[in-house]
Protein backbone atom coordinates (compact mmCIF):
# COMPACT_ATOMS: atom_id res chain seq x y z
CA MET A 1 18.96 -188.01 -17.63
CA ARG A 2 21.51 -190.58 -16.50
CA ASN A 3 22.95 -190.78 -20.02
CA ASN A 4 23.13 -186.99 -20.34
CA VAL A 5 24.87 -186.70 -16.97
CA ALA A 6 27.19 -189.63 -17.71
CA GLN A 7 28.30 -188.07 -21.00
CA ALA A 8 28.96 -184.69 -19.41
CA LEU A 9 30.81 -186.22 -16.47
CA ASP A 10 32.86 -188.45 -18.76
CA THR A 11 34.26 -185.37 -20.50
CA LEU A 12 35.31 -184.16 -17.03
CA GLY A 13 36.89 -187.49 -16.09
CA LEU A 14 34.26 -188.44 -13.50
CA THR A 15 31.73 -191.23 -13.19
CA GLY A 16 28.23 -190.74 -11.83
CA ALA A 17 29.19 -192.55 -8.63
CA GLU A 18 32.24 -190.32 -8.20
CA TYR A 19 30.15 -187.20 -8.69
CA GLY A 20 27.58 -188.54 -6.22
CA ALA A 21 30.31 -189.21 -3.67
CA LEU A 22 31.83 -185.75 -4.08
CA ASP A 23 28.43 -184.10 -3.80
CA TYR A 24 27.37 -186.15 -0.75
CA ILE A 25 30.65 -185.62 1.08
CA SER A 26 30.54 -181.87 0.36
CA ARG A 27 27.11 -181.63 2.02
CA HIS A 28 27.79 -183.78 5.11
CA ALA A 29 30.33 -182.73 7.75
CA ASP A 30 31.28 -186.24 8.93
CA PRO A 31 29.84 -188.75 6.48
CA SER A 32 29.93 -192.40 7.46
CA ASN A 33 30.98 -194.92 4.85
CA ALA A 34 27.73 -196.82 5.46
CA ASP A 35 25.60 -193.74 4.76
CA LEU A 36 27.62 -192.93 1.65
CA ALA A 37 27.29 -196.49 0.36
CA ARG A 38 23.51 -196.41 0.91
CA TYR A 39 23.26 -193.02 -0.83
CA LEU A 40 25.21 -194.31 -3.83
CA LEU A 41 23.38 -197.67 -3.82
CA VAL A 42 26.64 -199.62 -3.71
CA THR A 43 28.02 -202.29 -1.42
CA PRO A 44 30.59 -201.34 1.22
CA GLN A 45 33.19 -203.27 -0.79
CA SER A 46 32.38 -201.31 -3.95
CA LEU A 47 32.50 -198.08 -1.97
CA GLY A 48 35.95 -198.99 -0.69
CA LYS A 49 37.22 -199.46 -4.24
CA LEU A 50 35.53 -196.26 -5.41
CA THR A 51 36.92 -194.08 -2.64
CA ALA A 52 40.38 -195.68 -2.84
CA GLY A 53 40.51 -194.74 -6.51
CA MET A 54 39.32 -191.22 -5.74
CA ARG A 55 41.95 -190.87 -3.01
CA SER A 56 44.68 -192.05 -5.39
CA ARG A 57 43.54 -189.44 -7.93
CA GLY A 58 43.71 -186.73 -5.28
CA LEU A 59 39.96 -186.03 -5.09
CA LEU A 60 39.47 -187.26 -1.52
CA HIS A 61 41.52 -187.64 1.62
CA ARG A 62 40.94 -189.15 5.03
CA ALA A 63 40.52 -186.44 7.66
CA PRO A 64 40.47 -187.02 11.42
CA THR A 65 37.05 -186.77 13.04
CA GLN A 66 37.10 -184.13 15.76
CA GLY A 67 37.07 -185.61 19.27
CA SER A 68 37.59 -189.15 18.02
CA HIS A 69 40.25 -191.50 16.76
CA ARG A 70 38.15 -192.13 13.65
CA TYR A 71 38.70 -190.71 10.20
CA HIS A 72 36.17 -189.59 7.62
CA LEU A 73 36.37 -188.79 3.94
CA ALA A 74 36.79 -185.16 2.91
CA LEU A 75 37.25 -183.38 -0.39
CA THR A 76 40.70 -182.20 -1.37
CA PRO A 77 41.07 -178.89 -3.22
CA ASP A 78 41.15 -180.93 -6.47
CA GLY A 79 37.96 -182.71 -5.39
CA GLN A 80 36.29 -179.36 -4.70
CA GLN A 81 37.33 -178.10 -8.14
CA ALA A 82 36.08 -181.27 -9.85
CA LEU A 83 32.73 -180.91 -8.10
CA ALA A 84 32.48 -177.23 -9.00
CA ARG A 85 33.19 -178.04 -12.68
CA ALA A 86 30.68 -180.93 -12.74
CA ARG A 87 27.76 -179.34 -10.85
CA PRO A 88 26.63 -177.02 -13.68
CA HIS A 89 26.49 -179.98 -16.09
CA VAL A 90 24.38 -182.04 -13.68
CA GLU A 91 22.10 -179.09 -12.94
CA ALA A 92 21.64 -178.45 -16.69
CA ALA A 93 20.63 -182.11 -17.18
CA GLN A 94 18.14 -181.78 -14.31
CA GLN A 95 16.67 -178.65 -15.87
CA ARG A 96 16.29 -180.42 -19.23
CA LEU A 97 14.44 -183.25 -17.46
CA LEU A 98 12.11 -180.83 -15.68
CA ALA A 99 11.61 -178.53 -18.69
CA PRO A 100 8.09 -179.81 -19.53
CA LEU A 101 6.84 -179.00 -16.00
CA ASP A 102 5.59 -175.61 -14.93
CA ARG A 103 6.47 -174.15 -11.52
CA GLN A 104 3.54 -175.75 -9.67
CA GLU A 105 4.17 -179.14 -11.26
CA ARG A 106 7.82 -178.95 -10.22
CA ILE A 107 6.78 -178.19 -6.63
CA ARG A 108 4.34 -181.12 -6.59
CA PHE A 109 6.96 -183.39 -8.14
CA ALA A 110 9.56 -182.40 -5.51
CA ARG A 111 7.03 -182.97 -2.71
CA ALA A 112 6.12 -186.39 -4.09
CA LEU A 113 9.78 -187.41 -4.29
CA THR A 114 10.36 -186.17 -0.75
CA LEU A 115 7.38 -188.17 0.54
CA CYS A 116 8.64 -191.31 -1.19
CA ALA A 117 12.17 -190.84 0.14
CA ASP A 118 10.94 -190.16 3.68
CA HIS A 119 8.67 -193.21 3.55
CA HIS A 120 11.55 -195.35 2.32
CA ASP A 121 13.90 -194.03 5.02
CA ASN A 122 11.30 -194.60 7.73
CA SER A 123 10.51 -198.12 6.53
CA MET A 124 14.23 -198.95 6.41
CA ASN A 125 14.50 -197.79 10.02
CA GLY A 126 11.48 -199.85 11.09
CA GLN A 127 9.21 -196.83 11.53
CA GLN A 128 5.74 -196.33 10.16
CA ASN A 129 4.74 -193.29 8.13
CA ASP A 130 1.02 -192.66 7.70
CA ASN A 131 1.44 -189.95 5.00
């Protein structure tokens, strides 16, 4: 799937990490750099380089956080358009990956992934999950 997505994104001028950043930022109102770096599985230094490049290309900008002197990353109109162009390609790759599964298998698969992610998040936060 990664190769399929990478090829599709390459034709659109995006990397997988850039798509992931655009998608994450679009779904989170005030994303922290630390959360974005964890989501993308990159170091804070790598994230800084990634987002600086995306800002220079006009995909992201720094927006003031309401009620604070902090800034957060936000999509520019060009970033929103890039995400809208890329999403169908990523979704098509996901559908090709899931094609062998019937509806019930897809539901079980999604639940299993959610359980694993929740367990991982809880263990990273020092919590126990008995599921």
